[in-house]
Amino acid sequence: MPKSPTPDDKRMAGQARLAAIVIAAAAVIWVGGNLLGGRLGWDPRYAFLLDFSALAAFVWGLVVTWRVWRRRGN
């Protein structure tokens, strides 16, 4: 009989799900923003802002994923 997930398991699953959503949304917004900015001739500083925002979202998502992975191993 499978054991039911503990509240900690549910919390970690929620954190992992949130990290996945943030990473996916950042990728879509980053690519879409760069395509749109190139077509509309946006100033390059907006491209850098978009790049740094996406980078921050990716780093945050990877840190959260790493923390969930480390907790799961113990």
PDB file of N, CA and C in Angstrom:
ATOM      1  N   MET A   1       0.854  -1.172   0.000  1.00  0.00           N
ATOM      2  CA  MET A   1       0.000   0.000   0.000  1.00  0.00           C
ATOM      3  C   MET A   1       0.904   1.240   0.000  1.00  0.00           C
ATOM      4  N   PRO A   2       0.689   2.171  -0.943  1.00  0.00           N
ATOM      5  CA  PRO A   2       1.526   3.383  -0.986  1.00  0.00           C
ATOM      6  C   PRO A   2       1.226   4.283   0.201  1.00  0.00           C
ATOM      7  N   LYS A   3       2.294   4.885   0.720  1.00  0.00           N
ATOM      8  CA  LYS A   3       2.096   5.789   1.858  1.00  0.00           C
ATOM      9  C   LYS A   3       1.636   7.151   1.341  1.00  0.00           C
ATOM     10  N   SER A   4       0.850   7.818   2.150  1.00  0.00           N
ATOM     11  CA  SER A   4       0.339   9.129   1.747  1.00  0.00           C
ATOM     12  C   SER A   4       1.438  10.173   1.939  1.00  0.00           C
ATOM     13  N   PRO A   5       1.426  11.191   1.095  1.00  0.00           N
ATOM     14  CA  PRO A   5       2.473  12.222   1.200  1.00  0.00           C
ATOM     15  C   PRO A   5       2.310  13.038   2.480  1.00  0.00           C
ATOM     16  N   THR A   6       3.436  13.376   3.057  1.00  0.00           N
ATOM     17  CA  THR A   6       3.436  14.192   4.272  1.00  0.00           C
ATOM     18  C   THR A   6       3.228  15.656   3.883  1.00  0.00           C
ATOM     19  N   PRO A   7       2.904  16.506   4.848  1.00  0.00           N
ATOM     20  CA  PRO A   7       2.780  17.933   4.539  1.00  0.00           C
ATOM     21  C   PRO A   7       4.079  18.515   3.969  1.00  0.00           C
ATOM     22  N   ASP A   8       5.221  18.011   4.437  1.00  0.00           N
ATOM     23  CA  ASP A   8       6.500  18.487   3.898  1.00  0.00           C
ATOM     24  C   ASP A   8       6.664  18.070   2.433  1.00  0.00           C
ATOM     25  N   ASP A   9       6.235  16.841   2.106  1.00  0.00           N
ATOM     26  CA  ASP A   9       6.282  16.390   0.708  1.00  0.00           C
ATOM     27  C   ASP A   9       5.410  17.274  -0.186  1.00  0.00           C
ATOM     28  N   LYS A  10       4.237  17.608   0.315  1.00  0.00           N
ATOM     29  CA  LYS A  10       3.326  18.462  -0.457  1.00  0.00           C
ATOM     30  C   LYS A  10       3.915  19.861  -0.641  1.00  0.00           C
ATOM     31  N   ARG A  11       4.568  20.375   0.409  1.00  0.00           N
ATOM     32  CA  ARG A  11       5.170  21.712   0.316  1.00  0.00           C
ATOM     33  C   ARG A  11       6.312  21.713  -0.686  1.00  0.00           C
ATOM     34  N   MET A  12       7.147  20.670  -0.654  1.00  0.00           N
ATOM     35  CA  MET A  12       8.252  20.581  -1.609  1.00  0.00           C
ATOM     36  C   MET A  12       7.744  20.420  -3.035  1.00  0.00           C
ATOM     37  N   ALA A  13       6.677  19.661  -3.211  1.00  0.00           N
ATOM     38  CA  ALA A  13       6.096  19.505  -4.548  1.00  0.00           C
ATOM     39  C   ALA A  13       5.557  20.836  -5.054  1.00  0.00           C
ATOM     40  N   GLY A  14       4.951  21.611  -4.161  1.00  0.00           N
ATOM     41  CA  GLY A  14       4.455  22.928  -4.547  1.00  0.00           C
ATOM     42  C   GLY A  14       5.584  23.871  -4.930  1.00  0.00           C
ATOM     43  N   GLN A  15       6.687  23.809  -4.188  1.00  0.00           N
ATOM     44  CA  GLN A  15       7.840  24.650  -4.519  1.00  0.00           C
ATOM     45  C   GLN A  15       8.442  24.244  -5.853  1.00  0.00           C
ATOM     46  N   ALA A  16       8.555  22.947  -6.100  1.00  0.00           N
ATOM     47  CA  ALA A  16       9.099  22.470  -7.369  1.00  0.00           C
ATOM     48  C   ALA A  16       8.192  22.874  -8.532  1.00  0.00           C
ATOM     49  N   ARG A  17       6.889  22.784  -8.332  1.00  0.00           N
ATOM     50  CA  ARG A  17       5.938  23.175  -9.369  1.00  0.00           C
ATOM     51  C   ARG A  17       6.049  24.671  -9.666  1.00  0.00           C
ATOM     52  N   LEU A  18       6.160  25.493  -8.617  1.00  0.00           N
ATOM     53  CA  LEU A  18       6.304  26.932  -8.796  1.00  0.00           C
ATOM     54  C   LEU A  18       7.591  27.263  -9.543  1.00  0.00           C
ATOM     55  N   ALA A  19       8.690  26.589  -9.190  1.00  0.00           N
ATOM     56  CA  ALA A  19       9.963  26.821  -9.877  1.00  0.00           C
ATOM     57  C   ALA A  19       9.845  26.464 -11.354  1.00  0.00           C
ATOM     58  N   ALA A  20       9.173  25.365 -11.660  1.00  0.00           N
ATOM     59  CA  ALA A  20       8.999  24.961 -13.059  1.00  0.00           C
ATOM     60  C   ALA A  20       8.172  25.986 -13.829  1.00  0.00           C
ATOM     61  N   ILE A  21       7.127  26.493 -13.211  1.00  0.00           N
ATOM     62  CA  ILE A  21       6.282  27.500 -13.871  1.00  0.00           C
ATOM     63  C   ILE A  21       7.063  28.784 -14.109  1.00  0.00           C
ATOM     64  N   VAL A  22       7.855  29.208 -13.119  1.00  0.00           N
ATOM     65  CA  VAL A  22       8.646  30.436 -13.262  1.00  0.00           C
ATOM     66  C   VAL A  22       9.683  30.282 -14.373  1.00  0.00           C
ATOM     67  N   ILE A  23      10.361  29.135 -14.425  1.00  0.00           N
ATOM     68  CA  ILE A  23      11.370  28.913 -15.467  1.00  0.00           C
ATOM     69  C   ILE A  23      10.720  28.906 -16.850  1.00  0.00           C
ATOM     70  N   ALA A  24       9.603  28.204 -16.985  1.00  0.00           N
ATOM     71  CA  ALA A  24       8.923  28.139 -18.287  1.00  0.00           C
ATOM     72  C   ALA A  24       8.391  29.509 -18.709  1.00  0.00           C
ATOM     73  N   ALA A  25       7.780  30.230 -17.780  1.00  0.00           N
ATOM     74  CA  ALA A  25       7.239  31.554 -18.110  1.00  0.00           C
ATOM     75  C   ALA A  25       8.361  32.529 -18.461  1.00  0.00           C
ATOM     76  N   ALA A  26       9.468  32.463 -17.730  1.00  0.00           N
ATOM     77  CA  ALA A  26      10.599  33.346 -18.027  1.00  0.00           C
ATOM     78  C   ALA A  26      11.142  33.072 -19.428  1.00  0.00           C
ATOM     79  N   ALA A  27      11.229  31.802 -19.805  1.00  0.00           N
ATOM     80  CA  ALA A  27      11.737  31.460 -21.135  1.00  0.00           C
ATOM     81  C   ALA A  27      10.815  31.978 -22.226  1.00  0.00           C
ATOM     82  N   VAL A  28       9.517  31.789 -22.049  1.00  0.00           N
ATOM     83  CA  VAL A  28       8.551  32.248 -23.057  1.00  0.00           C
ATOM     84  C   VAL A  28       8.557  33.772 -23.165  1.00  0.00           C
ATOM     85  N   ILE A  29       8.550  34.461 -22.026  1.00  0.00           N
ATOM     86  CA  ILE A  29       8.550  35.928 -22.040  1.00  0.00           C
ATOM     87  C   ILE A  29       9.863  36.458 -22.608  1.00  0.00           C
ATOM     88  N   TRP A  30      10.971  35.806 -22.281  1.00  0.00           N
ATOM     89  CA  TRP A  30      12.281  36.237 -22.767  1.00  0.00           C
ATOM     90  C   TRP A  30      12.362  36.116 -24.288  1.00  0.00           C
ATOM     91  N   VAL A  31      12.000  34.962 -24.814  1.00  0.00           N
ATOM     92  CA  VAL A  31      12.060  34.766 -26.276  1.00  0.00           C
ATOM     93  C   VAL A  31      11.046  35.676 -26.972  1.00  0.00           C
ATOM     94  N   GLY A  32       9.825  35.710 -26.459  1.00  0.00           N
ATOM     95  CA  GLY A  32       8.800  36.561 -27.069  1.00  0.00           C
ATOM     96  C   GLY A  32       9.157  38.035 -27.008  1.00  0.00           C
ATOM     97  N   GLY A  33       9.702  38.464 -25.899  1.00  0.00           N
ATOM     98  CA  GLY A  33      10.098  39.866 -25.765  1.00  0.00           C
ATOM     99  C   GLY A  33      11.228  40.236 -26.707  1.00  0.00           C
ATOM    100  N   ASN A  34      12.188  39.331 -26.869  1.00  0.00           N
ATOM    101  CA  ASN A  34      13.286  39.608 -27.796  1.00  0.00           C
ATOM    102  C   ASN A  34      12.802  39.655 -29.238  1.00  0.00           C
ATOM    103  N   LEU A  35      11.909  38.757 -29.598  1.00  0.00           N
ATOM    104  CA  LEU A  35      11.357  38.787 -30.958  1.00  0.00           C
ATOM    105  C   LEU A  35      10.556  40.067 -31.194  1.00  0.00           C
ATOM    106  N   LEU A  36       9.717  40.395 -30.235  1.00  0.00           N
ATOM    107  CA  LEU A  36       8.888  41.595 -30.363  1.00  0.00           C
ATOM    108  C   LEU A  36       9.748  42.857 -30.368  1.00  0.00           C
ATOM    109  N   GLY A  37      10.743  42.898 -29.499  1.00  0.00           N
ATOM    110  CA  GLY A  37      11.621  44.068 -29.441  1.00  0.00           C
ATOM    111  C   GLY A  37      12.407  44.257 -30.722  1.00  0.00           C
ATOM    112  N   GLY A  38      12.848  43.150 -31.326  1.00  0.00           N
ATOM    113  CA  GLY A  38      13.575  43.249 -32.594  1.00  0.00           C
ATOM    114  C   GLY A  38      12.701  43.751 -33.724  1.00  0.00           C
ATOM    115  N   ARG A  39      11.462  43.305 -33.741  1.00  0.00           N
ATOM    116  CA  ARG A  39      10.545  43.736 -34.808  1.00  0.00           C
ATOM    117  C   ARG A  39      10.086  45.188 -34.645  1.00  0.00           C
ATOM    118  N   LEU A  40       9.945  45.611 -33.388  1.00  0.00           N
ATOM    119  CA  LEU A  40       9.459  46.971 -33.135  1.00  0.00           C
ATOM    120  C   LEU A  40      10.588  47.978 -32.975  1.00  0.00           C
ATOM    121  N   GLY A  41      11.826  47.498 -32.993  1.00  0.00           N
ATOM    122  CA  GLY A  41      12.966  48.402 -32.901  1.00  0.00           C
ATOM    123  C   GLY A  41      13.141  49.035 -31.540  1.00  0.00           C
ATOM    124  N   TRP A  42      12.893  48.252 -30.489  1.00  0.00           N
ATOM    125  CA  TRP A  42      13.060  48.780 -29.138  1.00  0.00           C
ATOM    126  C   TRP A  42      14.513  49.128 -28.866  1.00  0.00           C
ATOM    127  N   ASP A  43      14.713  50.045 -27.946  1.00  0.00           N
ATOM    128  CA  ASP A  43      16.049  50.446 -27.510  1.00  0.00           C
ATOM    129  C   ASP A  43      16.769  49.236 -26.893  1.00  0.00           C
ATOM    130  N   PRO A  44      18.060  49.082 -27.140  1.00  0.00           N
ATOM    131  CA  PRO A  44      18.787  47.922 -26.591  1.00  0.00           C
ATOM    132  C   PRO A  44      18.763  47.815 -25.064  1.00  0.00           C
ATOM    133  N   ARG A  45      18.561  48.911 -24.368  1.00  0.00           N
ATOM    134  CA  ARG A  45      18.522  48.819 -22.908  1.00  0.00           C
ATOM    135  C   ARG A  45      17.332  47.988 -22.434  1.00  0.00           C
ATOM    136  N   TYR A  46      16.243  47.963 -23.218  1.00  0.00           N
ATOM    137  CA  TYR A  46      15.114  47.122 -22.855  1.00  0.00           C
ATOM    138  C   TYR A  46      15.438  45.646 -23.055  1.00  0.00           C
ATOM    139  N   ALA A  47      16.250  45.360 -24.068  1.00  0.00           N
ATOM    140  CA  ALA A  47      16.695  43.975 -24.270  1.00  0.00           C
ATOM    141  C   ALA A  47      17.556  43.526 -23.096  1.00  0.00           C
ATOM    142  N   PHE A  48      18.446  44.391 -22.615  1.00  0.00           N
ATOM    143  CA  PHE A  48      19.268  44.044 -21.453  1.00  0.00           C
ATOM    144  C   PHE A  48      18.407  43.875 -20.209  1.00  0.00           C
ATOM    145  N   LEU A  49      17.413  44.712 -20.035  1.00  0.00           N
ATOM    146  CA  LEU A  49      16.509  44.582 -18.899  1.00  0.00           C
ATOM    147  C   LEU A  49      15.777  43.240 -18.960  1.00  0.00           C
ATOM    148  N   LEU A  50      15.322  42.881 -20.143  1.00  0.00           N
ATOM    149  CA  LEU A  50      14.642  41.606 -20.340  1.00  0.00           C
ATOM    150  C   LEU A  50      15.595  40.439 -20.076  1.00  0.00           C
ATOM    151  N   ASP A  51      16.828  40.554 -20.570  1.00  0.00           N
ATOM    152  CA  ASP A  51      17.823  39.497 -20.357  1.00  0.00           C
ATOM    153  C   ASP A  51      18.134  39.317 -18.870  1.00  0.00           C
ATOM    154  N   PHE A  52      18.354  40.400 -18.159  1.00  0.00           N
ATOM    155  CA  PHE A  52      18.684  40.303 -16.743  1.00  0.00           C
ATOM    156  C   PHE A  52      17.497  39.820 -15.916  1.00  0.00           C
ATOM    157  N   SER A  53      16.291  40.198 -16.305  1.00  0.00           N
ATOM    158  CA  SER A  53      15.100  39.699 -15.605  1.00  0.00           C
ATOM    159  C   SER A  53      14.955  38.192 -15.803  1.00  0.00           C
ATOM    160  N   ALA A  54      15.156  37.735 -17.031  1.00  0.00           N
ATOM    161  CA  ALA A  54      15.081  36.298 -17.305  1.00  0.00           C
ATOM    162  C   ALA A  54      16.181  35.549 -16.561  1.00  0.00           C
ATOM    163  N   LEU A  55      17.377  36.113 -16.542  1.00  0.00           N
ATOM    164  CA  LEU A  55      18.486  35.481 -15.832  1.00  0.00           C
ATOM    165  C   LEU A  55      18.167  35.348 -14.339  1.00  0.00           C
ATOM    166  N   ALA A  56      17.598  36.391 -13.760  1.00  0.00           N
ATOM    167  CA  ALA A  56      17.224  36.344 -12.344  1.00  0.00           C
ATOM    168  C   ALA A  56      16.166  35.258 -12.098  1.00  0.00           C
ATOM    169  N   ALA A  57      15.191  35.151 -12.993  1.00  0.00           N
ATOM    170  CA  ALA A  57      14.152  34.130 -12.845  1.00  0.00           C
ATOM    171  C   ALA A  57      14.746  32.729 -12.980  1.00  0.00           C
ATOM    172  N   PHE A  58      15.668  32.542 -13.923  1.00  0.00           N
ATOM    173  CA  PHE A  58      16.307  31.237 -14.094  1.00  0.00           C
ATOM    174  C   PHE A  58      17.137  30.864 -12.872  1.00  0.00           C
ATOM    175  N   VAL A  59      17.895  31.805 -12.349  1.00  0.00           N
ATOM    176  CA  VAL A  59      18.721  31.526 -11.170  1.00  0.00           C
ATOM    177  C   VAL A  59      17.829  31.201  -9.977  1.00  0.00           C
ATOM    178  N   TRP A  60      16.769  31.962  -9.779  1.00  0.00           N
ATOM    179  CA  TRP A  60      15.848  31.693  -8.683  1.00  0.00           C
ATOM    180  C   TRP A  60      15.247  30.297  -8.819  1.00  0.00           C
ATOM    181  N   GLY A  61      14.791  29.966 -10.012  1.00  0.00           N
ATOM    182  CA  GLY A  61      14.203  28.649 -10.238  1.00  0.00           C
ATOM    183  C   GLY A  61      15.187  27.522  -9.998  1.00  0.00           C
ATOM    184  N   LEU A  62      16.432  27.708 -10.423  1.00  0.00           N
ATOM    185  CA  LEU A  62      17.443  26.674 -10.211  1.00  0.00           C
ATOM    186  C   LEU A  62      17.798  26.532  -8.731  1.00  0.00           C
ATOM    187  N   VAL A  63      17.862  27.645  -8.004  1.00  0.00           N
ATOM    188  CA  VAL A  63      18.150  27.587  -6.570  1.00  0.00           C
ATOM    189  C   VAL A  63      17.029  26.856  -5.831  1.00  0.00           C
ATOM    190  N   VAL A  64      15.794  27.178  -6.151  1.00  0.00           N
ATOM    191  CA  VAL A  64      14.662  26.502  -5.505  1.00  0.00           C
ATOM    192  C   VAL A  64      14.665  25.016  -5.846  1.00  0.00           C
ATOM    193  N   THR A  65      14.906  24.684  -7.104  1.00  0.00           N
ATOM    194  CA  THR A  65      14.966  23.286  -7.508  1.00  0.00           C
ATOM    195  C   THR A  65      16.098  22.549  -6.790  1.00  0.00           C
ATOM    196  N   TRP A  66      17.250  23.184  -6.662  1.00  0.00           N
ATOM    197  CA  TRP A  66      18.377  22.571  -5.966  1.00  0.00           C
ATOM    198  C   TRP A  66      18.040  22.321  -4.494  1.00  0.00           C
ATOM    199  N   ARG A  67      17.386  23.301  -3.864  1.00  0.00           N
ATOM    200  CA  ARG A  67      17.016  23.138  -2.456  1.00  0.00           C
ATOM    201  C   ARG A  67      16.015  22.003  -2.270  1.00  0.00           C
ATOM    202  N   VAL A  68      15.046  21.890  -3.171  1.00  0.00           N
ATOM    203  CA  VAL A  68      14.080  20.789  -3.092  1.00  0.00           C
ATOM    204  C   VAL A  68      14.793  19.459  -3.286  1.00  0.00           C
ATOM    205  N   TRP A  69      15.703  19.399  -4.233  1.00  0.00           N
ATOM    206  CA  TRP A  69      16.444  18.178  -4.512  1.00  0.00           C
ATOM    207  C   TRP A  69      17.295  17.774  -3.307  1.00  0.00           C
ATOM    208  N   ARG A  70      17.941  18.736  -2.668  1.00  0.00           N
ATOM    209  CA  ARG A  70      18.777  18.449  -1.514  1.00  0.00           C
ATOM    210  C   ARG A  70      17.936  17.963  -0.331  1.00  0.00           C
ATOM    211  N   ARG A  71      16.767  18.564  -0.115  1.00  0.00           N
ATOM    212  CA  ARG A  71      15.896  18.127   0.972  1.00  0.00           C
ATOM    213  C   ARG A  71      15.321  16.738   0.714  1.00  0.00           C
ATOM    214  N   ARG A  72      15.066  16.463  -0.533  1.00  0.00           N
ATOM    215  CA  ARG A  72      14.482  15.164  -0.900  1.00  0.00           C
ATOM    216  C   ARG A  72      15.486  14.034  -0.681  1.00  0.00           C
ATOM    217  N   GLY A  73      16.766  14.316  -0.842  1.00  0.00           N
ATOM    218  CA  GLY A  73      17.788  13.301  -0.679  1.00  0.00           C
ATOM    219  C   GLY A  73      18.029  12.899   0.768  1.00  0.00           C
ATOM    220  N   ASN A  74      17.659  13.752   1.693  1.00  0.00           N
ATOM    221  CA  ASN A  74      17.922  13.456   3.121  1.00  0.00           C
ATOM    222  C   ASN A  74      16.781  12.711   3.754  1.00  0.00           C
TER     223      ASN A  74
END
